[in-house]
Amino acid sequence: MLVNTYSRRIFSLAYQFSGTREEAEDMTQEIFLKLYNSLKKFDFSRNFDAWLLTLARNHLIDEYRRTKWEKKTRDEFNEYSLKETTEIGPEDAALREETKKRVWEGFNHLSADIRMTIILRDIQGKKYEEVAEIMDLPLGTIKSRVNRGRIQLAKVLKEQKEKENGM
């Protein structure tokens, strides 16, 4: 029942963090194994969703730190992130895909903690309070990380554009 209820959400988080379906599928399975082994530790007076997402976040960050994998360029956002809401022409579609590619490349320059904060807040659309609960950090820290992450991402994107324009 837990897998049916939470698998899409956990997979989405893992995919946004890893960038490939294969890695996301593996990490989703690992997270559910970790959940199964940790259920007896859960305090039922707490919010289960936040606890599960915290468990998932910790696993993803631990995996990132353990492997120090190089991120592959993300050529598509998954169905939960930055949904396309209008029909566009081929030129606009190509421009949008190029923009997505640059943004995901920019994510590679962010630390794991800031990347996770940006994914939860800006891509998944969670409220600052929810992100703070999931990451088990003070609200001010989350707001600071989101702001710092946005600034870092903007700086990276600006540098990429300047390189391409030969500036």
N, C-alpha and C. Protein backbone atom coordinates (compact mmCIF):
# COMPACT_ATOMS: atom_id res chain seq x y z
N MET A 1 0.83 -1.19 0.00
CA MET A 1 0.00 0.00 0.00
C MET A 1 0.88 1.26 0.00
N LEU A 2 1.96 1.24 0.78
CA LEU A 2 2.85 2.40 0.82
C LEU A 2 3.51 2.65 -0.53
N VAL A 3 3.92 1.59 -1.18
CA VAL A 3 4.56 1.72 -2.50
C VAL A 3 3.57 2.32 -3.49
N ASN A 4 2.35 1.81 -3.50
CA ASN A 4 1.34 2.34 -4.41
C ASN A 4 1.05 3.81 -4.13
N THR A 5 1.03 4.18 -2.88
CA THR A 5 0.69 5.55 -2.48
C THR A 5 1.82 6.53 -2.76
N TYR A 6 3.06 6.14 -2.51
CA TYR A 6 4.16 7.09 -2.52
C TYR A 6 5.19 6.88 -3.64
N SER A 7 5.07 5.83 -4.43
CA SER A 7 6.14 5.53 -5.40
C SER A 7 6.34 6.64 -6.43
N ARG A 8 5.26 7.23 -6.93
CA ARG A 8 5.42 8.29 -7.94
C ARG A 8 6.13 9.50 -7.36
N ARG A 9 5.77 9.85 -6.14
CA ARG A 9 6.39 11.02 -5.50
C ARG A 9 7.88 10.77 -5.22
N ILE A 10 8.19 9.58 -4.71
CA ILE A 10 9.58 9.25 -4.42
C ILE A 10 10.38 9.14 -5.71
N PHE A 11 9.81 8.49 -6.73
CA PHE A 11 10.49 8.39 -8.01
C PHE A 11 10.76 9.77 -8.59
N SER A 12 9.77 10.65 -8.52
CA SER A 12 9.93 12.01 -9.04
C SER A 12 11.08 12.72 -8.36
N LEU A 13 11.13 12.63 -7.06
CA LEU A 13 12.22 13.26 -6.30
C LEU A 13 13.56 12.66 -6.69
N ALA A 14 13.63 11.34 -6.78
CA ALA A 14 14.88 10.67 -7.15
C ALA A 14 15.29 11.03 -8.58
N TYR A 15 14.33 11.13 -9.48
CA TYR A 15 14.63 11.47 -10.86
C TYR A 15 15.15 12.90 -10.97
N GLN A 16 14.50 13.81 -10.27
CA GLN A 16 14.93 15.20 -10.30
C GLN A 16 16.32 15.35 -9.70
N PHE A 17 16.65 14.50 -8.77
CA PHE A 17 17.95 14.58 -8.13
C PHE A 17 19.02 13.90 -8.96
N SER A 18 18.69 12.76 -9.57
CA SER A 18 19.72 11.99 -10.28
C SER A 18 19.81 12.33 -11.76
N GLY A 19 18.68 12.60 -12.39
CA GLY A 19 18.70 12.97 -13.80
C GLY A 19 18.48 11.83 -14.77
N THR A 20 18.50 10.59 -14.31
CA THR A 20 18.24 9.48 -15.23
C THR A 20 17.18 8.56 -14.63
N ARG A 21 16.40 7.99 -15.50
CA ARG A 21 15.34 7.08 -15.06
C ARG A 21 15.91 5.85 -14.36
N GLU A 22 17.00 5.32 -14.91
CA GLU A 22 17.58 4.10 -14.34
C GLU A 22 18.05 4.33 -12.91
N GLU A 23 18.77 5.42 -12.69
CA GLU A 23 19.23 5.73 -11.34
C GLU A 23 18.05 6.01 -10.42
N ALA A 24 17.07 6.72 -10.93
CA ALA A 24 15.89 7.05 -10.12
C ALA A 24 15.13 5.78 -9.72
N GLU A 25 15.00 4.84 -10.64
CA GLU A 25 14.33 3.58 -10.31
C GLU A 25 15.09 2.82 -9.24
N ASP A 26 16.42 2.74 -9.40
CA ASP A 26 17.23 2.05 -8.39
C ASP A 26 17.12 2.73 -7.03
N MET A 27 17.23 4.05 -7.03
CA MET A 27 17.17 4.77 -5.76
C MET A 27 15.78 4.68 -5.12
N THR A 28 14.74 4.66 -5.94
CA THR A 28 13.38 4.52 -5.41
C THR A 28 13.24 3.18 -4.69
N GLN A 29 13.75 2.13 -5.31
CA GLN A 29 13.71 0.80 -4.66
C GLN A 29 14.51 0.81 -3.36
N GLU A 30 15.67 1.43 -3.38
CA GLU A 30 16.50 1.49 -2.18
C GLU A 30 15.79 2.26 -1.07
N ILE A 31 15.12 3.34 -1.44
CA ILE A 31 14.39 4.15 -0.45
C ILE A 31 13.26 3.34 0.17
N PHE A 32 12.54 2.56 -0.64
CA PHE A 32 11.46 1.75 -0.07
C PHE A 32 11.98 0.61 0.79
N LEU A 33 13.14 0.07 0.45
CA LEU A 33 13.76 -0.92 1.34
C LEU A 33 14.15 -0.28 2.66
N LYS A 34 14.71 0.91 2.57
CA LYS A 34 15.08 1.65 3.78
C LYS A 34 13.83 1.98 4.61
N LEU A 35 12.76 2.35 3.94
CA LEU A 35 11.49 2.63 4.62
C LEU A 35 11.01 1.39 5.35
N TYR A 36 11.01 0.26 4.67
CA TYR A 36 10.55 -0.99 5.27
C TYR A 36 11.35 -1.30 6.54
N ASN A 37 12.67 -1.14 6.45
CA ASN A 37 13.52 -1.44 7.60
C ASN A 37 13.43 -0.39 8.71
N SER A 38 12.92 0.79 8.40
CA SER A 38 12.84 1.87 9.39
C SER A 38 11.45 2.08 9.96
N LEU A 39 10.44 1.40 9.43
CA LEU A 39 9.07 1.63 9.88
C LEU A 39 8.88 1.45 11.38
N LYS A 40 9.60 0.50 11.96
CA LYS A 40 9.43 0.27 13.39
C LYS A 40 9.94 1.45 14.23
N LYS A 41 10.75 2.31 13.63
CA LYS A 41 11.28 3.49 14.32
C LYS A 41 10.37 4.71 14.20
N PHE A 42 9.36 4.63 13.33
CA PHE A 42 8.52 5.79 13.07
C PHE A 42 7.66 6.14 14.29
N ASP A 43 7.65 7.41 14.63
CA ASP A 43 6.82 7.95 15.70
C ASP A 43 5.48 8.37 15.09
N PHE A 44 4.43 7.63 15.36
CA PHE A 44 3.13 7.85 14.72
C PHE A 44 2.46 9.16 15.12
N SER A 45 3.07 9.90 16.02
CA SER A 45 2.53 11.22 16.34
C SER A 45 3.06 12.28 15.36
N ARG A 46 4.01 11.89 14.52
CA ARG A 46 4.60 12.80 13.53
C ARG A 46 3.92 12.64 12.17
N ASN A 47 4.23 13.56 11.28
CA ASN A 47 3.69 13.56 9.92
C ASN A 47 4.44 12.52 9.10
N PHE A 48 3.73 11.50 8.64
CA PHE A 48 4.37 10.41 7.89
C PHE A 48 4.96 10.90 6.57
N ASP A 49 4.22 11.75 5.83
CA ASP A 49 4.72 12.25 4.55
C ASP A 49 6.06 12.95 4.72
N ALA A 50 6.14 13.81 5.70
CA ALA A 50 7.39 14.55 5.95
C ALA A 50 8.50 13.58 6.34
N TRP A 51 8.17 12.60 7.17
CA TRP A 51 9.17 11.62 7.61
C TRP A 51 9.70 10.83 6.42
N LEU A 52 8.80 10.37 5.56
CA LEU A 52 9.21 9.60 4.38
C LEU A 52 10.05 10.44 3.44
N LEU A 53 9.64 11.67 3.19
CA LEU A 53 10.41 12.53 2.29
C LEU A 53 11.77 12.88 2.90
N THR A 54 11.84 13.00 4.22
CA THR A 54 13.12 13.22 4.88
C THR A 54 14.01 12.01 4.72
N LEU A 55 13.44 10.82 4.89
CA LEU A 55 14.19 9.59 4.69
C LEU A 55 14.72 9.52 3.26
N ALA A 56 13.86 9.86 2.30
CA ALA A 56 14.25 9.84 0.89
C ALA A 56 15.34 10.87 0.61
N ARG A 57 15.15 12.07 1.12
CA ARG A 57 16.14 13.13 0.92
C ARG A 57 17.49 12.71 1.47
N ASN A 58 17.50 12.19 2.68
CA ASN A 58 18.76 11.76 3.29
C ASN A 58 19.43 10.68 2.47
N HIS A 59 18.64 9.74 1.96
CA HIS A 59 19.21 8.68 1.14
C HIS A 59 19.82 9.26 -0.14
N LEU A 60 19.11 10.17 -0.78
CA LEU A 60 19.62 10.75 -2.03
C LEU A 60 20.91 11.54 -1.79
N ILE A 61 20.95 12.29 -0.73
CA ILE A 61 22.17 13.05 -0.43
C ILE A 61 23.30 12.12 -0.05
N ASP A 62 23.00 11.10 0.74
CA ASP A 62 24.04 10.11 1.09
C ASP A 62 24.58 9.43 -0.15
N GLU A 63 23.69 9.07 -1.06
CA GLU A 63 24.10 8.40 -2.30
C GLU A 63 24.97 9.34 -3.13
N TYR A 64 24.58 10.59 -3.19
CA TYR A 64 25.36 11.58 -3.94
C TYR A 64 26.76 11.71 -3.33
N ARG A 65 26.82 11.84 -2.04
CA ARG A 65 28.11 11.98 -1.37
C ARG A 65 28.95 10.72 -1.51
N ARG A 66 28.31 9.56 -1.44
CA ARG A 66 29.03 8.29 -1.51
C ARG A 66 29.65 8.10 -2.89
N THR A 67 28.91 8.36 -3.92
CA THR A 67 29.40 8.07 -5.27
C THR A 67 30.05 9.25 -5.95
N LYS A 68 29.67 10.47 -5.58
CA LYS A 68 30.19 11.69 -6.23
C LYS A 68 30.04 11.60 -7.75
N TRP A 69 28.87 11.07 -8.16
CA TRP A 69 28.67 10.87 -9.60
C TRP A 69 28.63 12.20 -10.35
N GLU A 70 29.04 12.14 -11.57
CA GLU A 70 28.95 13.29 -12.46
C GLU A 70 27.53 13.29 -13.04
N LYS A 71 26.90 14.43 -12.98
CA LYS A 71 25.55 14.53 -13.51
C LYS A 71 25.56 14.55 -15.03
N LYS A 72 24.65 13.80 -15.60
CA LYS A 72 24.47 13.85 -17.04
C LYS A 72 23.55 15.02 -17.36
N THR A 73 23.67 15.56 -18.54
CA THR A 73 22.79 16.65 -18.95
C THR A 73 21.36 16.13 -19.00
N ARG A 74 20.47 16.89 -18.43
CA ARG A 74 19.08 16.48 -18.43
C ARG A 74 18.39 17.06 -19.65
N ASP A 75 17.88 16.20 -20.50
CA ASP A 75 17.27 16.69 -21.74
C ASP A 75 15.75 16.77 -21.63
N GLU A 76 15.24 16.39 -20.46
CA GLU A 76 13.80 16.56 -20.29
C GLU A 76 13.49 16.68 -18.81
N PHE A 77 12.48 17.42 -18.49
CA PHE A 77 11.96 17.44 -17.13
C PHE A 77 10.94 16.32 -17.04
N ASN A 78 10.80 15.73 -15.85
CA ASN A 78 9.78 14.69 -15.78
C ASN A 78 8.40 15.33 -15.70
N GLU A 79 7.38 14.48 -15.70
CA GLU A 79 6.02 14.98 -15.82
C GLU A 79 5.57 15.87 -14.66
N TYR A 80 6.33 15.89 -13.57
CA TYR A 80 5.95 16.70 -12.43
C TYR A 80 6.62 18.06 -12.38
N SER A 81 7.59 18.30 -13.26
CA SER A 81 8.34 19.54 -13.15
C SER A 81 8.13 20.42 -14.38
N LEU A 82 7.85 21.67 -14.13
CA LEU A 82 7.70 22.67 -15.18
C LEU A 82 6.88 22.15 -16.35
N LYS A 83 5.64 21.76 -16.05
CA LYS A 83 4.75 21.19 -17.06
C LYS A 83 4.51 22.18 -18.19
N GLU A 84 4.46 21.64 -19.37
CA GLU A 84 4.16 22.44 -20.55
C GLU A 84 2.64 22.63 -20.58
N THR A 85 2.21 23.89 -20.64
CA THR A 85 0.78 24.14 -20.55
C THR A 85 0.17 24.66 -21.84
N THR A 86 1.00 25.00 -22.81
CA THR A 86 0.44 25.52 -24.04
C THR A 86 1.11 24.85 -25.23
N GLU A 87 0.42 24.85 -26.33
CA GLU A 87 0.98 24.34 -27.57
C GLU A 87 1.93 25.40 -28.11
N ILE A 88 3.10 24.97 -28.56
CA ILE A 88 4.08 25.91 -29.09
C ILE A 88 4.61 25.38 -30.40
N GLY A 89 5.18 26.29 -31.18
CA GLY A 89 5.74 25.92 -32.46
C GLY A 89 7.10 25.26 -32.31
N PRO A 90 7.65 24.73 -33.42
CA PRO A 90 8.92 24.00 -33.37
C PRO A 90 10.10 24.87 -32.89
N GLU A 91 10.14 26.13 -33.30
CA GLU A 91 11.23 27.00 -32.86
C GLU A 91 11.16 27.25 -31.36
N ASP A 92 9.95 27.54 -30.88
CA ASP A 92 9.78 27.77 -29.44
C ASP A 92 10.07 26.50 -28.65
N ALA A 93 9.67 25.36 -29.20
CA ALA A 93 9.92 24.08 -28.52
C ALA A 93 11.42 23.83 -28.42
N ALA A 94 12.16 24.11 -29.48
CA ALA A 94 13.62 23.92 -29.46
C ALA A 94 14.26 24.86 -28.47
N LEU A 95 13.80 26.10 -28.44
CA LEU A 95 14.34 27.07 -27.48
C LEU A 95 14.04 26.64 -26.05
N ARG A 96 12.84 26.15 -25.80
CA ARG A 96 12.46 25.69 -24.46
C ARG A 96 13.32 24.50 -24.03
N GLU A 97 13.55 23.57 -24.96
CA GLU A 97 14.39 22.40 -24.64
C GLU A 97 15.81 22.83 -24.34
N GLU A 98 16.33 23.78 -25.10
CA GLU A 98 17.68 24.28 -24.85
C GLU A 98 17.75 24.96 -23.48
N THR A 99 16.72 25.70 -23.13
CA THR A 99 16.68 26.35 -21.82
C THR A 99 16.65 25.32 -20.70
N LYS A 100 15.84 24.29 -20.87
CA LYS A 100 15.78 23.22 -19.87
C LYS A 100 17.15 22.57 -19.69
N LYS A 101 17.81 22.32 -20.81
CA LYS A 101 19.13 21.69 -20.78
C LYS A 101 20.11 22.57 -20.00
N ARG A 102 20.09 23.85 -20.25
CA ARG A 102 20.99 24.77 -19.54
C ARG A 102 20.69 24.83 -18.05
N VAL A 103 19.42 24.85 -17.72
CA VAL A 103 19.05 24.90 -16.29
C VAL A 103 19.55 23.65 -15.58
N TRP A 104 19.33 22.49 -16.19
CA TRP A 104 19.78 21.25 -15.55
C TRP A 104 21.30 21.19 -15.47
N GLU A 105 22.00 21.71 -16.48
CA GLU A 105 23.45 21.79 -16.40
C GLU A 105 23.86 22.70 -15.25
N GLY A 106 23.11 23.79 -15.07
CA GLY A 106 23.38 24.70 -13.96
C GLY A 106 23.19 24.04 -12.61
N PHE A 107 22.22 23.12 -12.52
CA PHE A 107 22.01 22.40 -11.26
C PHE A 107 23.25 21.63 -10.84
N ASN A 108 24.05 21.18 -11.81
CA ASN A 108 25.26 20.43 -11.49
C ASN A 108 26.26 21.25 -10.70
N HIS A 109 26.14 22.56 -10.75
CA HIS A 109 27.06 23.45 -10.04
C HIS A 109 26.59 23.76 -8.62
N LEU A 110 25.42 23.31 -8.25
CA LEU A 110 24.88 23.56 -6.91
C LEU A 110 25.25 22.40 -5.99
N SER A 111 25.42 22.70 -4.71
CA SER A 111 25.67 21.64 -3.74
C SER A 111 24.42 20.77 -3.61
N ALA A 112 24.59 19.58 -3.09
CA ALA A 112 23.47 18.63 -2.96
C ALA A 112 22.35 19.21 -2.10
N ASP A 113 22.70 19.87 -1.00
CA ASP A 113 21.67 20.42 -0.11
C ASP A 113 20.89 21.55 -0.78
N ILE A 114 21.60 22.43 -1.47
CA ILE A 114 20.91 23.53 -2.15
C ILE A 114 20.09 23.00 -3.31
N ARG A 115 20.63 22.03 -4.06
CA ARG A 115 19.89 21.43 -5.17
C ARG A 115 18.58 20.81 -4.67
N MET A 116 18.65 20.06 -3.56
CA MET A 116 17.45 19.43 -3.02
C MET A 116 16.43 20.50 -2.60
N THR A 117 16.89 21.57 -1.99
CA THR A 117 15.99 22.64 -1.56
C THR A 117 15.30 23.27 -2.76
N ILE A 118 16.05 23.54 -3.82
CA ILE A 118 15.48 24.14 -5.03
C ILE A 118 14.49 23.18 -5.69
N ILE A 119 14.82 21.91 -5.75
CA ILE A 119 13.91 20.92 -6.34
C ILE A 119 12.59 20.89 -5.57
N LEU A 120 12.67 20.81 -4.25
CA LEU A 120 11.45 20.75 -3.45
C LEU A 120 10.62 22.02 -3.57
N ARG A 121 11.28 23.18 -3.52
CA ARG A 121 10.55 24.45 -3.51
C ARG A 121 10.11 24.88 -4.92
N ASP A 122 11.04 24.95 -5.83
CA ASP A 122 10.74 25.55 -7.13
C ASP A 122 10.22 24.57 -8.18
N ILE A 123 10.66 23.33 -8.13
CA ILE A 123 10.21 22.38 -9.14
C ILE A 123 8.97 21.63 -8.66
N GLN A 124 9.01 21.15 -7.42
CA GLN A 124 7.84 20.43 -6.91
C GLN A 124 6.79 21.37 -6.32
N GLY A 125 7.13 22.63 -6.12
CA GLY A 125 6.16 23.63 -5.68
C GLY A 125 5.74 23.53 -4.23
N LYS A 126 6.57 22.95 -3.40
CA LYS A 126 6.24 22.84 -1.98
C LYS A 126 6.42 24.20 -1.31
N LYS A 127 5.66 24.42 -0.25
CA LYS A 127 5.77 25.66 0.52
C LYS A 127 7.07 25.61 1.32
N TYR A 128 7.57 26.79 1.66
CA TYR A 128 8.80 26.86 2.45
C TYR A 128 8.69 26.04 3.73
N GLU A 129 7.55 26.10 4.37
CA GLU A 129 7.34 25.38 5.62
C GLU A 129 7.44 23.86 5.42
N GLU A 130 6.88 23.38 4.30
CA GLU A 130 6.96 21.96 3.99
C GLU A 130 8.41 21.54 3.73
N VAL A 131 9.13 22.36 3.01
CA VAL A 131 10.53 22.05 2.72
C VAL A 131 11.33 22.01 4.02
N ALA A 132 11.06 22.96 4.91
CA ALA A 132 11.76 23.00 6.20
C ALA A 132 11.48 21.73 7.00
N GLU A 133 10.24 21.26 6.97
CA GLU A 133 9.89 20.05 7.70
C GLU A 133 10.55 18.82 7.07
N ILE A 134 10.51 18.74 5.75
CA ILE A 134 11.10 17.60 5.06
C ILE A 134 12.61 17.54 5.30
N MET A 135 13.24 18.69 5.23
CA MET A 135 14.70 18.72 5.37
C MET A 135 15.14 18.85 6.84
N ASP A 136 14.17 18.99 7.72
CA ASP A 136 14.44 19.09 9.16
C ASP A 136 15.43 20.23 9.45
N LEU A 137 15.10 21.39 8.87
CA LEU A 137 15.92 22.58 9.04
C LEU A 137 15.02 23.76 9.39
N PRO A 138 15.59 24.80 10.00
CA PRO A 138 14.80 25.99 10.29
C PRO A 138 14.31 26.67 9.01
N LEU A 139 13.16 27.32 9.11
CA LEU A 139 12.56 27.99 7.96
C LEU A 139 13.52 29.02 7.35
N GLY A 140 14.22 29.77 8.18
CA GLY A 140 15.16 30.77 7.69
C GLY A 140 16.29 30.15 6.88
N THR A 141 16.75 28.99 7.28
CA THR A 141 17.80 28.30 6.53
C THR A 141 17.30 27.90 5.15
N ILE A 142 16.07 27.42 5.09
CA ILE A 142 15.48 27.02 3.81
C ILE A 142 15.35 28.23 2.89
N LYS A 143 14.83 29.33 3.41
CA LYS A 143 14.68 30.54 2.60
C LYS A 143 16.03 31.02 2.10
N SER A 144 17.02 30.95 2.96
CA SER A 144 18.37 31.36 2.59
C SER A 144 18.94 30.46 1.49
N ARG A 145 18.75 29.15 1.64
CA ARG A 145 19.26 28.21 0.62
C ARG A 145 18.57 28.41 -0.72
N VAL A 146 17.26 28.63 -0.68
CA VAL A 146 16.53 28.85 -1.94
C VAL A 146 17.06 30.11 -2.60
N ASN A 147 17.21 31.17 -1.83
CA ASN A 147 17.72 32.42 -2.39
C ASN A 147 19.13 32.25 -2.92
N ARG A 148 19.99 31.64 -2.13
CA ARG A 148 21.38 31.42 -2.54
C ARG A 148 21.43 30.53 -3.79
N GLY A 149 20.61 29.49 -3.83
CA GLY A 149 20.57 28.60 -4.98
C GLY A 149 20.12 29.30 -6.24
N ARG A 150 19.10 30.13 -6.12
CA ARG A 150 18.62 30.88 -7.28
C ARG A 150 19.70 31.82 -7.80
N ILE A 151 20.39 32.49 -6.88
CA ILE A 151 21.47 33.41 -7.27
C ILE A 151 22.60 32.65 -7.95
N GLN A 152 23.00 31.52 -7.37
CA GLN A 152 24.08 30.71 -7.96
C GLN A 152 23.68 30.20 -9.33
N LEU A 153 22.44 29.73 -9.44
CA LEU A 153 21.97 29.21 -10.72
C LEU A 153 21.94 30.32 -11.77
N ALA A 154 21.46 31.50 -11.40
CA ALA A 154 21.42 32.63 -12.33
C ALA A 154 22.84 33.01 -12.78
N LYS A 155 23.78 32.99 -11.85
CA LYS A 155 25.18 33.32 -12.17
C LYS A 155 25.75 32.31 -13.17
N VAL A 156 25.50 31.02 -12.92
CA VAL A 156 25.99 29.98 -13.82
C VAL A 156 25.37 30.14 -15.20
N LEU A 157 24.08 30.38 -15.26
CA LEU A 157 23.40 30.54 -16.55
C LEU A 157 23.93 31.76 -17.30
N LYS A 158 24.19 32.82 -16.58
CA LYS A 158 24.74 34.03 -17.20
C LYS A 158 26.13 33.74 -17.77
N GLU A 159 26.96 33.03 -17.00
CA GLU A 159 28.30 32.68 -17.48
C GLU A 159 28.23 31.79 -18.71
N GLN A 160 27.31 30.85 -18.73
CA GLN A 160 27.14 29.97 -19.90
C GLN A 160 26.79 30.80 -21.14
N LYS A 161 25.87 31.73 -20.95
CA LYS A 161 25.42 32.57 -22.07
C LYS A 161 26.57 33.44 -22.58
N GLU A 162 27.35 33.99 -21.65
CA GLU A 162 28.47 34.84 -22.05
C GLU A 162 29.52 34.03 -22.82
N LYS A 163 29.77 32.79 -22.40
CA LYS A 163 30.71 31.93 -23.11
C LYS A 163 30.25 31.67 -24.54
N GLU A 164 28.96 31.40 -24.69
CA GLU A 164 28.41 31.10 -26.00
C GLU A 164 28.46 32.33 -26.91
N ASN A 165 28.30 33.51 -26.32
CA ASN A 165 28.30 34.74 -27.11
C ASN A 165 29.72 35.29 -27.28
N GLY A 166 30.72 34.60 -26.74
CA GLY A 166 32.10 35.02 -26.90
C GLY A 166 32.47 36.26 -26.13
N MET A 167 31.81 36.49 -25.02
CA MET A 167 32.09 37.68 -24.22
C MET A 167 33.19 37.42 -23.24
